[in-house]
Structure formats: C-alpha cells, structure tokens
C-alpha cells in the first residue's frame, strides 16, 4: 500500500423501540440520497467475498446476516434495523442467518 489510509465499515445498531419497517427504512434511505433496492435470501446462504466500485449502505429489515471482512477476520452480525456502510473497494462476504433475511441496500444517486 502506498500510504493510503484504509477506510472502515461503519455499523449503526437499531435503537428504536419499534420494529423497523420497510417503508420507514426506504424513506430514510431516499432522504439521504440513496436509491434503495430490496432483496431477500434463504437461511444459511453464503455470498462469496466481493467488493464494489461504489460506497454501499445496507439495512437488515428482517432476519439476520453475518458480514465477514477477510482482511481483518472480523465478523459482524446485522439484525433487524441494523445498518452497515461499506466504503468503495472494501472486501467482504456474507452468510444469511438461520431464519433468512430481507435487506434494503443502496448507493448514492
């Protein structure tokens, strides 16, 4: 590496008293200038390590998923309402939790 600083993922845990809804989260994402895309997957599905050429924001709406960062061997579990912001180029993989997952993800418009 040539002196460039490595950006970190930012995790924001859900603190609300009420269960987050798809409408509330997608509205918040749009208010932040993000284009939400909704997806879901089956229990225990594994996504291989990847990276993107853009900054990515992901919210867990229902269920859970574990994000793995191979560079640091760190693992973070996201549950309903939790958010992760991944900087462009950050390598990560994911495993869906035991009851599946529904997520909203987006990037800047």
PDB file of N, CA and C in Angstrom:
ATOM      1  N   UNK A   1       0.834  -1.171   0.000  1.00  0.00           N
ATOM      2  CA  UNK A   1       0.000   0.000   0.000  1.00  0.00           C
ATOM      3  C   UNK A   1       0.878   1.233   0.000  1.00  0.00           C
ATOM      4  N   UNK A   2       0.468   2.238  -0.727  1.00  0.00           N
ATOM      5  CA  UNK A   2       1.305   3.427  -0.858  1.00  0.00           C
ATOM      6  C   UNK A   2       0.846   4.577   0.029  1.00  0.00           C
ATOM      7  N   UNK A   3       0.772   4.355   1.323  1.00  0.00           N
ATOM      8  CA  UNK A   3       0.439   5.412   2.251  1.00  0.00           C
ATOM      9  C   UNK A   3      -1.031   5.774   2.314  1.00  0.00           C
ATOM     10  N   UNK A   4      -1.883   5.143   1.512  1.00  0.00           N
ATOM     11  CA  UNK A   4      -3.319   5.445   1.550  1.00  0.00           C
ATOM     12  C   UNK A   4      -3.921   4.853   2.820  1.00  0.00           C
ATOM     13  N   UNK A   5      -4.824   5.597   3.423  1.00  0.00           N
ATOM     14  CA  UNK A   5      -5.465   5.069   4.627  1.00  0.00           C
ATOM     15  C   UNK A   5      -6.579   4.117   4.228  1.00  0.00           C
ATOM     16  N   UNK A   6      -6.769   3.085   5.005  1.00  0.00           N
ATOM     17  CA  UNK A   6      -7.803   2.102   4.745  1.00  0.00           C
ATOM     18  C   UNK A   6      -9.083   2.578   5.428  1.00  0.00           C
ATOM     19  N   UNK A   7     -10.137   2.713   4.654  1.00  0.00           N
ATOM     20  CA  UNK A   7     -11.412   3.122   5.230  1.00  0.00           C
ATOM     21  C   UNK A   7     -12.047   1.951   5.958  1.00  0.00           C
ATOM     22  N   UNK A   8     -12.878   2.271   6.930  1.00  0.00           N
ATOM     23  CA  UNK A   8     -13.547   1.254   7.719  1.00  0.00           C
ATOM     24  C   UNK A   8     -15.037   1.242   7.421  1.00  0.00           C
ATOM     25  N   UNK A   9     -15.640   0.077   7.588  1.00  0.00           N
ATOM     26  CA  UNK A   9     -17.093  -0.013   7.509  1.00  0.00           C
ATOM     27  C   UNK A   9     -17.658   0.650   8.757  1.00  0.00           C
ATOM     28  N   UNK A  10     -18.834   1.262   8.622  1.00  0.00           N
ATOM     29  CA  UNK A  10     -19.490   1.882   9.768  1.00  0.00           C
ATOM     30  C   UNK A  10     -20.784   1.131  10.053  1.00  0.00           C
ATOM     31  N   UNK A  11     -20.931   0.651  11.294  1.00  0.00           N
ATOM     32  CA  UNK A  11     -22.115  -0.097  11.702  1.00  0.00           C
ATOM     33  C   UNK A  11     -22.953   0.792  12.605  1.00  0.00           C
ATOM     34  N   UNK A  12     -24.252   0.847  12.334  1.00  0.00           N
ATOM     35  CA  UNK A  12     -25.188   1.597  13.169  1.00  0.00           C
ATOM     36  C   UNK A  12     -26.252   0.618  13.640  1.00  0.00           C
ATOM     37  N   UNK A  13     -26.284   0.368  14.937  1.00  0.00           N
ATOM     38  CA  UNK A  13     -27.253  -0.572  15.506  1.00  0.00           C
ATOM     39  C   UNK A  13     -28.616   0.092  15.670  1.00  0.00           C
ATOM     40  N   UNK A  14     -29.689  -0.681  15.465  1.00  0.00           N
ATOM     41  CA  UNK A  14     -31.044  -0.182  15.630  1.00  0.00           C
ATOM     42  C   UNK A  14     -31.292   0.107  17.102  1.00  0.00           C
ATOM     43  N   UNK A  15     -31.745   1.307  17.399  1.00  0.00           N
ATOM     44  CA  UNK A  15     -32.002   1.712  18.781  1.00  0.00           C
ATOM     45  C   UNK A  15     -33.462   2.031  19.030  1.00  0.00           C
ATOM     46  N   UNK A  16     -34.288   1.994  17.993  1.00  0.00           N
ATOM     47  CA  UNK A  16     -35.697   2.352  18.148  1.00  0.00           C
ATOM     48  C   UNK A  16     -36.458   1.334  18.982  1.00  0.00           C
ATOM     49  N   UNK A  17     -37.524   1.785  19.616  1.00  0.00           N
ATOM     50  CA  UNK A  17     -38.339   0.884  20.422  1.00  0.00           C
ATOM     51  C   UNK A  17     -39.255   0.025  19.574  1.00  0.00           C
ATOM     52  N   UNK A  18     -39.579   0.524  18.372  1.00  0.00           N
ATOM     53  CA  UNK A  18     -40.485  -0.179  17.489  1.00  0.00           C
ATOM     54  C   UNK A  18     -39.697  -0.920  16.424  1.00  0.00           C
ATOM     55  N   UNK A  19     -40.234  -2.038  15.969  1.00  0.00           N
ATOM     56  CA  UNK A  19     -39.592  -2.812  14.903  1.00  0.00           C
ATOM     57  C   UNK A  19     -39.488  -1.939  13.641  1.00  0.00           C
ATOM     58  N   UNK A  20     -38.342  -1.892  13.004  1.00  0.00           N
ATOM     59  CA  UNK A  20     -38.197  -1.070  11.795  1.00  0.00           C
ATOM     60  C   UNK A  20     -39.062  -1.625  10.664  1.00  0.00           C
ATOM     61  N   UNK A  21     -39.658  -0.746   9.894  1.00  0.00           N
ATOM     62  CA  UNK A  21     -40.465  -1.202   8.766  1.00  0.00           C
ATOM     63  C   UNK A  21     -39.746  -0.898   7.462  1.00  0.00           C
ATOM     64  N   UNK A  22     -40.082  -1.648   6.460  1.00  0.00           N
ATOM     65  CA  UNK A  22     -39.501  -1.455   5.132  1.00  0.00           C
ATOM     66  C   UNK A  22     -39.777  -0.030   4.656  1.00  0.00           C
ATOM     67  N   UNK A  23     -41.016   0.455   4.844  1.00  0.00           N
ATOM     68  CA  UNK A  23     -41.362   1.820   4.415  1.00  0.00           C
ATOM     69  C   UNK A  23     -40.511   2.866   5.120  1.00  0.00           C
ATOM     70  N   UNK A  24     -40.351   2.741   6.443  1.00  0.00           N
ATOM     71  CA  UNK A  24     -39.561   3.721   7.200  1.00  0.00           C
ATOM     72  C   UNK A  24     -38.103   3.740   6.745  1.00  0.00           C
ATOM     73  N   UNK A  25     -37.547   2.560   6.565  1.00  0.00           N
ATOM     74  CA  UNK A  25     -36.131   2.480   6.199  1.00  0.00           C
ATOM     75  C   UNK A  25     -35.905   2.966   4.769  1.00  0.00           C
ATOM     76  N   UNK A  26     -36.768   2.581   3.830  1.00  0.00           N
ATOM     77  CA  UNK A  26     -36.559   3.043   2.456  1.00  0.00           C
ATOM     78  C   UNK A  26     -36.788   4.556   2.353  1.00  0.00           C
ATOM     79  N   UNK A  27     -37.722   5.094   3.139  1.00  0.00           N
ATOM     80  CA  UNK A  27     -37.932   6.555   3.151  1.00  0.00           C
ATOM     81  C   UNK A  27     -36.682   7.262   3.672  1.00  0.00           C
ATOM     82  N   UNK A  28     -36.114   6.733   4.755  1.00  0.00           N
ATOM     83  CA  UNK A  28     -34.891   7.319   5.312  1.00  0.00           C
ATOM     84  C   UNK A  28     -33.754   7.259   4.299  1.00  0.00           C
ATOM     85  N   UNK A  29     -33.634   6.137   3.604  1.00  0.00           N
ATOM     86  CA  UNK A  29     -32.583   5.997   2.601  1.00  0.00           C
ATOM     87  C   UNK A  29     -32.752   7.037   1.492  1.00  0.00           C
ATOM     88  N   UNK A  30     -33.972   7.208   1.011  1.00  0.00           N
ATOM     89  CA  UNK A  30     -34.228   8.202  -0.045  1.00  0.00           C
ATOM     90  C   UNK A  30     -33.905   9.602   0.449  1.00  0.00           C
ATOM     91  N   UNK A  31     -34.267   9.889   1.719  1.00  0.00           N
ATOM     92  CA  UNK A  31     -33.966  11.203   2.302  1.00  0.00           C
ATOM     93  C   UNK A  31     -32.462  11.475   2.331  1.00  0.00           C
ATOM     94  N   UNK A  32     -31.659  10.398   2.411  1.00  0.00           N
ATOM     95  CA  UNK A  32     -30.194  10.528   2.422  1.00  0.00           C
ATOM     96  C   UNK A  32     -29.601  10.529   1.011  1.00  0.00           C
ATOM     97  N   UNK A  33     -30.451  10.483  -0.013  1.00  0.00           N
ATOM     98  CA  UNK A  33     -29.959  10.485  -1.382  1.00  0.00           C
ATOM     99  C   UNK A  33     -29.555   9.110  -1.892  1.00  0.00           C
ATOM    100  N   UNK A  34     -30.040   8.047  -1.236  1.00  0.00           N
ATOM    101  CA  UNK A  34     -29.744   6.679  -1.665  1.00  0.00           C
ATOM    102  C   UNK A  34     -30.903   6.138  -2.498  1.00  0.00           C
ATOM    103  N   UNK A  35     -30.581   5.208  -3.403  1.00  0.00           N
ATOM    104  CA  UNK A  35     -31.600   4.509  -4.193  1.00  0.00           C
ATOM    105  C   UNK A  35     -31.781   3.121  -3.598  1.00  0.00           C
ATOM    106  N   UNK A  36     -32.835   2.893  -2.809  1.00  0.00           N
ATOM    107  CA  UNK A  36     -32.999   1.583  -2.163  1.00  0.00           C
ATOM    108  C   UNK A  36     -33.363   0.471  -3.151  1.00  0.00           C
ATOM    109  N   UNK A  37     -32.769  -0.675  -2.914  1.00  0.00           N
ATOM    110  CA  UNK A  37     -33.058  -1.901  -3.650  1.00  0.00           C
ATOM    111  C   UNK A  37     -33.354  -2.958  -2.588  1.00  0.00           C
ATOM    112  N   UNK A  38     -34.479  -3.645  -2.686  1.00  0.00           N
ATOM    113  CA  UNK A  38     -34.889  -4.620  -1.682  1.00  0.00           C
ATOM    114  C   UNK A  38     -34.563  -6.021  -2.181  1.00  0.00           C
ATOM    115  N   UNK A  39     -33.989  -6.835  -1.309  1.00  0.00           N
ATOM    116  CA  UNK A  39     -33.708  -8.220  -1.664  1.00  0.00           C
ATOM    117  C   UNK A  39     -33.876  -9.104  -0.425  1.00  0.00           C
ATOM    118  N   UNK A  40     -33.998 -10.384  -0.657  1.00  0.00           N
ATOM    119  CA  UNK A  40     -34.094 -11.346   0.447  1.00  0.00           C
ATOM    120  C   UNK A  40     -33.399 -12.629   0.017  1.00  0.00           C
ATOM    121  N   UNK A  41     -33.108 -13.471   1.000  1.00  0.00           N
ATOM    122  CA  UNK A  41     -32.490 -14.749   0.680  1.00  0.00           C
ATOM    123  C   UNK A  41     -32.810 -15.771   1.755  1.00  0.00           C
ATOM    124  N   UNK A  42     -32.548 -17.019   1.403  1.00  0.00           N
ATOM    125  CA  UNK A  42     -32.895 -18.169   2.249  1.00  0.00           C
ATOM    126  C   UNK A  42     -31.885 -18.352   3.384  1.00  0.00           C
ATOM    127  N   UNK A  43     -32.282 -19.082   4.428  1.00  0.00           N
ATOM    128  CA  UNK A  43     -31.368 -19.333   5.551  1.00  0.00           C
ATOM    129  C   UNK A  43     -30.053 -19.968   5.104  1.00  0.00           C
ATOM    130  N   UNK A  44     -28.986 -19.522   5.740  1.00  0.00           N
ATOM    131  CA  UNK A  44     -27.638 -20.091   5.606  1.00  0.00           C
ATOM    132  C   UNK A  44     -26.996 -19.919   4.226  1.00  0.00           C
ATOM    133  N   UNK A  45     -27.592 -19.129   3.340  1.00  0.00           N
ATOM    134  CA  UNK A  45     -26.976 -18.869   2.033  1.00  0.00           C
ATOM    135  C   UNK A  45     -25.685 -18.080   2.250  1.00  0.00           C
ATOM    136  N   UNK A  46     -24.651 -18.422   1.480  1.00  0.00           N
ATOM    137  CA  UNK A  46     -23.356 -17.738   1.614  1.00  0.00           C
ATOM    138  C   UNK A  46     -23.022 -16.969   0.348  1.00  0.00           C
ATOM    139  N   UNK A  47     -22.679 -15.684   0.545  1.00  0.00           N
ATOM    140  CA  UNK A  47     -22.192 -14.862  -0.562  1.00  0.00           C
ATOM    141  C   UNK A  47     -20.673 -14.875  -0.507  1.00  0.00           C
ATOM    142  N   UNK A  48     -20.009 -15.112  -1.631  1.00  0.00           N
ATOM    143  CA  UNK A  48     -18.539 -15.105  -1.632  1.00  0.00           C
ATOM    144  C   UNK A  48     -17.991 -13.705  -1.378  1.00  0.00           C
ATOM    145  N   UNK A  49     -16.719 -13.655  -1.035  1.00  0.00           N
ATOM    146  CA  UNK A  49     -16.049 -12.372  -0.806  1.00  0.00           C
ATOM    147  C   UNK A  49     -16.099 -11.550  -2.088  1.00  0.00           C
ATOM    148  N   UNK A  50     -16.407 -10.263  -1.924  1.00  0.00           N
ATOM    149  CA  UNK A  50     -16.564  -9.361  -3.062  1.00  0.00           C
ATOM    150  C   UNK A  50     -16.241  -7.949  -2.627  1.00  0.00           C
ATOM    151  N   UNK A  51     -16.222  -7.038  -3.579  1.00  0.00           N
ATOM    152  CA  UNK A  51     -16.118  -5.604  -3.292  1.00  0.00           C
ATOM    153  C   UNK A  51     -16.875  -4.878  -4.394  1.00  0.00           C
ATOM    154  N   UNK A  52     -17.117  -3.593  -4.190  1.00  0.00           N
ATOM    155  CA  UNK A  52     -17.872  -2.805  -5.162  1.00  0.00           C
ATOM    156  C   UNK A  52     -17.107  -1.537  -5.500  1.00  0.00           C
ATOM    157  N   UNK A  53     -17.378  -0.981  -6.656  1.00  0.00           N
ATOM    158  CA  UNK A  53     -16.744   0.257  -7.089  1.00  0.00           C
ATOM    159  C   UNK A  53     -17.508   1.492  -6.645  1.00  0.00           C
ATOM    160  N   UNK A  54     -18.312   1.342  -5.596  1.00  0.00           N
ATOM    161  CA  UNK A  54     -19.107   2.451  -5.068  1.00  0.00           C
ATOM    162  C   UNK A  54     -19.305   2.242  -3.566  1.00  0.00           C
ATOM    163  N   UNK A  55     -19.645   3.318  -2.859  1.00  0.00           N
ATOM    164  CA  UNK A  55     -19.988   3.203  -1.443  1.00  0.00           C
ATOM    165  C   UNK A  55     -21.375   2.578  -1.344  1.00  0.00           C
ATOM    166  N   UNK A  56     -21.544   1.631  -0.427  1.00  0.00           N
ATOM    167  CA  UNK A  56     -22.790   0.876  -0.315  1.00  0.00           C
ATOM    168  C   UNK A  56     -23.334   0.981   1.103  1.00  0.00           C
ATOM    169  N   UNK A  57     -24.647   1.194   1.216  1.00  0.00           N
ATOM    170  CA  UNK A  57     -25.339   1.189   2.502  1.00  0.00           C
ATOM    171  C   UNK A  57     -26.311   0.026   2.493  1.00  0.00           C
ATOM    172  N   UNK A  58     -26.325  -0.761   3.561  1.00  0.00           N
ATOM    173  CA  UNK A  58     -27.211  -1.913   3.657  1.00  0.00           C
ATOM    174  C   UNK A  58     -27.906  -1.907   5.007  1.00  0.00           C
ATOM    175  N   UNK A  59     -29.220  -2.067   4.991  1.00  0.00           N
ATOM    176  CA  UNK A  59     -30.028  -2.229   6.195  1.00  0.00           C
ATOM    177  C   UNK A  59     -30.571  -3.643   6.235  1.00  0.00           C
ATOM    178  N   UNK A  60     -30.537  -4.268   7.391  1.00  0.00           N
ATOM    179  CA  UNK A  60     -31.227  -5.533   7.615  1.00  0.00           C
ATOM    180  C   UNK A  60     -32.649  -5.179   8.055  1.00  0.00           C
ATOM    181  N   UNK A  61     -33.650  -5.623   7.315  1.00  0.00           N
ATOM    182  CA  UNK A  61     -35.046  -5.331   7.644  1.00  0.00           C
ATOM    183  C   UNK A  61     -35.611  -6.425   8.547  1.00  0.00           C
ATOM    184  N   UNK A  62     -35.457  -7.669   8.130  1.00  0.00           N
ATOM    185  CA  UNK A  62     -35.939  -8.818   8.908  1.00  0.00           C
ATOM    186  C   UNK A  62     -34.890  -9.914   8.848  1.00  0.00           C
ATOM    187  N   UNK A  63     -34.835 -10.736   9.895  1.00  0.00           N
ATOM    188  CA  UNK A  63     -33.871 -11.824   9.946  1.00  0.00           C
ATOM    189  C   UNK A  63     -32.503 -11.320  10.364  1.00  0.00           C
ATOM    190  N   UNK A  64     -31.457 -11.969   9.847  1.00  0.00           N
ATOM    191  CA  UNK A  64     -30.091 -11.570  10.194  1.00  0.00           C
ATOM    192  C   UNK A  64     -29.124 -12.025   9.115  1.00  0.00           C
ATOM    193  N   UNK A  65     -27.947 -11.393   9.121  1.00  0.00           N
ATOM    194  CA  UNK A  65     -26.856 -11.839   8.264  1.00  0.00           C
ATOM    195  C   UNK A  65     -25.544 -11.472   8.934  1.00  0.00           C
ATOM    196  N   UNK A  66     -24.553 -12.297   8.685  1.00  0.00           N
ATOM    197  CA  UNK A  66     -23.213 -12.074   9.221  1.00  0.00           C
ATOM    198  C   UNK A  66     -22.328 -11.575   8.092  1.00  0.00           C
ATOM    199  N   UNK A  67     -21.685 -10.443   8.323  1.00  0.00           N
ATOM    200  CA  UNK A  67     -20.737  -9.874   7.364  1.00  0.00           C
ATOM    201  C   UNK A  67     -19.339 -10.235   7.833  1.00  0.00           C
ATOM    202  N   UNK A  68     -18.516 -10.731   6.918  1.00  0.00           N
ATOM    203  CA  UNK A  68     -17.148 -11.148   7.232  1.00  0.00           C
ATOM    204  C   UNK A  68     -16.183 -10.289   6.422  1.00  0.00           C
ATOM    205  N   UNK A  69     -15.167  -9.780   7.100  1.00  0.00           N
ATOM    206  CA  UNK A  69     -14.132  -8.974   6.446  1.00  0.00           C
ATOM    207  C   UNK A  69     -12.838  -9.774   6.452  1.00  0.00           C
ATOM    208  N   UNK A  70     -12.451 -10.356   5.305  1.00  0.00           N
ATOM    209  CA  UNK A  70     -11.284 -11.240   5.282  1.00  0.00           C
ATOM    210  C   UNK A  70      -9.980 -10.548   5.656  1.00  0.00           C
ATOM    211  N   UNK A  71      -9.845  -9.261   5.366  1.00  0.00           N
ATOM    212  CA  UNK A  71      -8.582  -8.560   5.660  1.00  0.00           C
ATOM    213  C   UNK A  71      -8.296  -8.511   7.157  1.00  0.00           C
ATOM    214  N   UNK A  72      -9.348  -8.415   7.969  1.00  0.00           N
ATOM    215  CA  UNK A  72      -9.164  -8.314   9.424  1.00  0.00           C
ATOM    216  C   UNK A  72      -9.709  -9.530  10.168  1.00  0.00           C
ATOM    217  N   UNK A  73     -10.365 -10.413   9.436  1.00  0.00           N
ATOM    218  CA  UNK A  73     -11.027 -11.589  10.016  1.00  0.00           C
ATOM    219  C   UNK A  73     -12.119 -11.209  11.013  1.00  0.00           C
ATOM    220  N   UNK A  74     -12.639 -10.015  10.862  1.00  0.00           N
ATOM    221  CA  UNK A  74     -13.715  -9.536  11.730  1.00  0.00           C
ATOM    222  C   UNK A  74     -15.053 -10.038  11.183  1.00  0.00           C
ATOM    223  N   UNK A  75     -15.975 -10.340  12.116  1.00  0.00           N
ATOM    224  CA  UNK A  75     -17.323 -10.785  11.765  1.00  0.00           C
ATOM    225  C   UNK A  75     -18.317  -9.905  12.508  1.00  0.00           C
ATOM    226  N   UNK A  76     -19.348  -9.452  11.801  1.00  0.00           N
ATOM    227  CA  UNK A  76     -20.365  -8.602  12.401  1.00  0.00           C
ATOM    228  C   UNK A  76     -21.727  -9.145  12.007  1.00  0.00           C
ATOM    229  N   UNK A  77     -22.604  -9.355  12.986  1.00  0.00           N
ATOM    230  CA  UNK A  77     -23.953  -9.815  12.703  1.00  0.00           C
ATOM    231  C   UNK A  77     -24.903  -8.632  12.701  1.00  0.00           C
ATOM    232  N   UNK A  78     -25.661  -8.503  11.615  1.00  0.00           N
ATOM    233  CA  UNK A  78     -26.683  -7.472  11.499  1.00  0.00           C
ATOM    234  C   UNK A  78     -28.048  -8.101  11.745  1.00  0.00           C
ATOM    235  N   UNK A  79     -28.859  -7.422  12.563  1.00  0.00           N
ATOM    236  CA  UNK A  79     -30.223  -7.859  12.849  1.00  0.00           C
ATOM    237  C   UNK A  79     -31.189  -6.753  12.437  1.00  0.00           C
ATOM    238  N   UNK A  80     -32.473  -6.981  12.583  1.00  0.00           N
ATOM    239  CA  UNK A  80     -33.500  -6.030  12.140  1.00  0.00           C
ATOM    240  C   UNK A  80     -33.172  -4.599  12.539  1.00  0.00           C
ATOM    241  N   UNK A  81     -33.123  -3.721  11.537  1.00  0.00           N
ATOM    242  CA  UNK A  81     -32.874  -2.300  11.754  1.00  0.00           C
ATOM    243  C   UNK A  81     -31.421  -1.893  11.713  1.00  0.00           C
ATOM    244  N   UNK A  82     -30.492  -2.849  11.841  1.00  0.00           N
ATOM    245  CA  UNK A  82     -29.064  -2.517  11.821  1.00  0.00           C
ATOM    246  C   UNK A  82     -28.650  -2.086  10.413  1.00  0.00           C
ATOM    247  N   UNK A  83     -27.658  -1.198  10.384  1.00  0.00           N
ATOM    248  CA  UNK A  83     -27.166  -0.633   9.124  1.00  0.00           C
ATOM    249  C   UNK A  83     -25.653  -0.789   9.061  1.00  0.00           C
ATOM    250  N   UNK A  84     -25.154  -1.036   7.848  1.00  0.00           N
ATOM    251  CA  UNK A  84     -23.720  -1.021   7.621  1.00  0.00           C
ATOM    252  C   UNK A  84     -23.448  -0.171   6.388  1.00  0.00           C
ATOM    253  N   UNK A  85     -22.433   0.677   6.495  1.00  0.00           N
ATOM    254  CA  UNK A  85     -21.969   1.488   5.373  1.00  0.00           C
ATOM    255  C   UNK A  85     -20.597   0.968   4.977  1.00  0.00           C
ATOM    256  N   UNK A  86     -20.506   0.478   3.750  1.00  0.00           N
ATOM    257  CA  UNK A  86     -19.270  -0.112   3.234  1.00  0.00           C
ATOM    258  C   UNK A  86     -18.626   0.829   2.227  1.00  0.00           C
ATOM    259  N   UNK A  87     -17.390   1.242   2.474  1.00  0.00           N
ATOM    260  CA  UNK A  87     -16.724   2.116   1.507  1.00  0.00           C
ATOM    261  C   UNK A  87     -16.359   1.361   0.229  1.00  0.00           C
ATOM    262  N   UNK A  88     -16.277   2.089  -0.844  1.00  0.00           N
ATOM    263  CA  UNK A  88     -15.888   1.555  -2.144  1.00  0.00           C
ATOM    264  C   UNK A  88     -14.607   0.724  -2.012  1.00  0.00           C
ATOM    265  N   UNK A  89     -14.616  -0.456  -2.621  1.00  0.00           N
ATOM    266  CA  UNK A  89     -13.426  -1.292  -2.649  1.00  0.00           C
ATOM    267  C   UNK A  89     -13.222  -2.184  -1.433  1.00  0.00           C
ATOM    268  N   UNK A  90     -14.024  -2.041  -0.382  1.00  0.00           N
ATOM    269  CA  UNK A  90     -13.852  -2.883   0.798  1.00  0.00           C
ATOM    270  C   UNK A  90     -14.314  -4.308   0.490  1.00  0.00           C
ATOM    271  N   UNK A  91     -13.462  -5.282   0.809  1.00  0.00           N
ATOM    272  CA  UNK A  91     -13.781  -6.695   0.553  1.00  0.00           C
ATOM    273  C   UNK A  91     -14.550  -7.269   1.734  1.00  0.00           C
ATOM    274  N   UNK A  92     -15.634  -7.991   1.410  1.00  0.00           N
ATOM    275  CA  UNK A  92     -16.460  -8.607   2.444  1.00  0.00           C
ATOM    276  C   UNK A  92     -17.218  -9.794   1.856  1.00  0.00           C
ATOM    277  N   UNK A  93     -17.636 -10.684   2.731  1.00  0.00           N
ATOM    278  CA  UNK A  93     -18.512 -11.789   2.363  1.00  0.00           C
ATOM    279  C   UNK A  93     -19.690 -11.763   3.314  1.00  0.00           C
ATOM    280  N   UNK A  94     -20.691 -12.589   3.075  1.00  0.00           N
ATOM    281  CA  UNK A  94     -21.858 -12.595   3.952  1.00  0.00           C
ATOM    282  C   UNK A  94     -22.468 -13.988   4.023  1.00  0.00           C
ATOM    283  N   UNK A  95     -23.028 -14.300   5.196  1.00  0.00           N
ATOM    284  CA  UNK A  95     -23.785 -15.529   5.398  1.00  0.00           C
ATOM    285  C   UNK A  95     -25.130 -15.147   5.999  1.00  0.00           C
ATOM    286  N   UNK A  96     -26.195 -15.633   5.382  1.00  0.00           N
ATOM    287  CA  UNK A  96     -27.550 -15.342   5.849  1.00  0.00           C
ATOM    288  C   UNK A  96     -27.829 -16.151   7.110  1.00  0.00           C
ATOM    289  N   UNK A  97     -28.571 -15.561   8.031  1.00  0.00           N
ATOM    290  CA  UNK A  97     -28.889 -16.209   9.303  1.00  0.00           C
ATOM    291  C   UNK A  97     -29.869 -17.363   9.162  1.00  0.00           C
ATOM    292  N   UNK A  98     -30.140 -18.021  10.286  1.00  0.00           N
ATOM    293  CA  UNK A  98     -30.939 -19.256  10.319  1.00  0.00           C
ATOM    294  C   UNK A  98     -32.397 -19.070   9.909  1.00  0.00           C
ATOM    295  N   UNK A  99     -32.922 -17.846   9.932  1.00  0.00           N
ATOM    296  CA  UNK A  99     -34.320 -17.641   9.522  1.00  0.00           C
ATOM    297  C   UNK A  99     -34.429 -16.812   8.244  1.00  0.00           C
ATOM    298  N   UNK A 100     -33.343 -16.713   7.481  1.00  0.00           N
ATOM    299  CA  UNK A 100     -33.360 -15.949   6.243  1.00  0.00           C
ATOM    300  C   UNK A 100     -33.182 -14.463   6.526  1.00  0.00           C
ATOM    301  N   UNK A 101     -33.307 -13.654   5.479  1.00  0.00           N
ATOM    302  CA  UNK A 101     -33.108 -12.218   5.640  1.00  0.00           C
ATOM    303  C   UNK A 101     -33.845 -11.443   4.560  1.00  0.00           C
ATOM    304  N   UNK A 102     -34.256 -10.238   4.925  1.00  0.00           N
ATOM    305  CA  UNK A 102     -34.721  -9.244   3.951  1.00  0.00           C
ATOM    306  C   UNK A 102     -33.903  -7.987   4.211  1.00  0.00           C
ATOM    307  N   UNK A 103     -33.359  -7.404   3.157  1.00  0.00           N
ATOM    308  CA  UNK A 103     -32.492  -6.232   3.287  1.00  0.00           C
ATOM    309  C   UNK A 103     -32.891  -5.156   2.295  1.00  0.00           C
ATOM    310  N   UNK A 104     -32.493  -3.942   2.628  1.00  0.00           N
ATOM    311  CA  UNK A 104     -32.572  -2.814   1.699  1.00  0.00           C
ATOM    312  C   UNK A 104     -31.145  -2.301   1.564  1.00  0.00           C
ATOM    313  N   UNK A 105     -30.691  -2.170   0.340  1.00  0.00           N
ATOM    314  CA  UNK A 105     -29.361  -1.628   0.130  1.00  0.00           C
ATOM    315  C   UNK A 105     -29.430  -0.535  -0.916  1.00  0.00           C
ATOM    316  N   UNK A 106     -28.441   0.327  -0.877  1.00  0.00           N
ATOM    317  CA  UNK A 106     -28.436   1.406  -1.852  1.00  0.00           C
ATOM    318  C   UNK A 106     -27.091   2.082  -1.948  1.00  0.00           C
ATOM    319  N   UNK A 107     -26.985   2.892  -2.982  1.00  0.00           N
ATOM    320  CA  UNK A 107     -25.795   3.702  -3.194  1.00  0.00           C
ATOM    321  C   UNK A 107     -26.276   5.114  -3.525  1.00  0.00           C
ATOM    322  N   UNK A 108     -25.348   6.055  -3.577  1.00  0.00           N
ATOM    323  CA  UNK A 108     -25.716   7.446  -3.855  1.00  0.00           C
ATOM    324  C   UNK A 108     -26.291   7.588  -5.259  1.00  0.00           C
ATOM    325  N   UNK A 109     -27.264   8.436  -5.369  1.00  0.00           N
ATOM    326  CA  UNK A 109     -27.901   8.700  -6.661  1.00  0.00           C
ATOM    327  C   UNK A 109     -26.938   9.445  -7.565  1.00  0.00           C
TER     328      UNK A 109
END
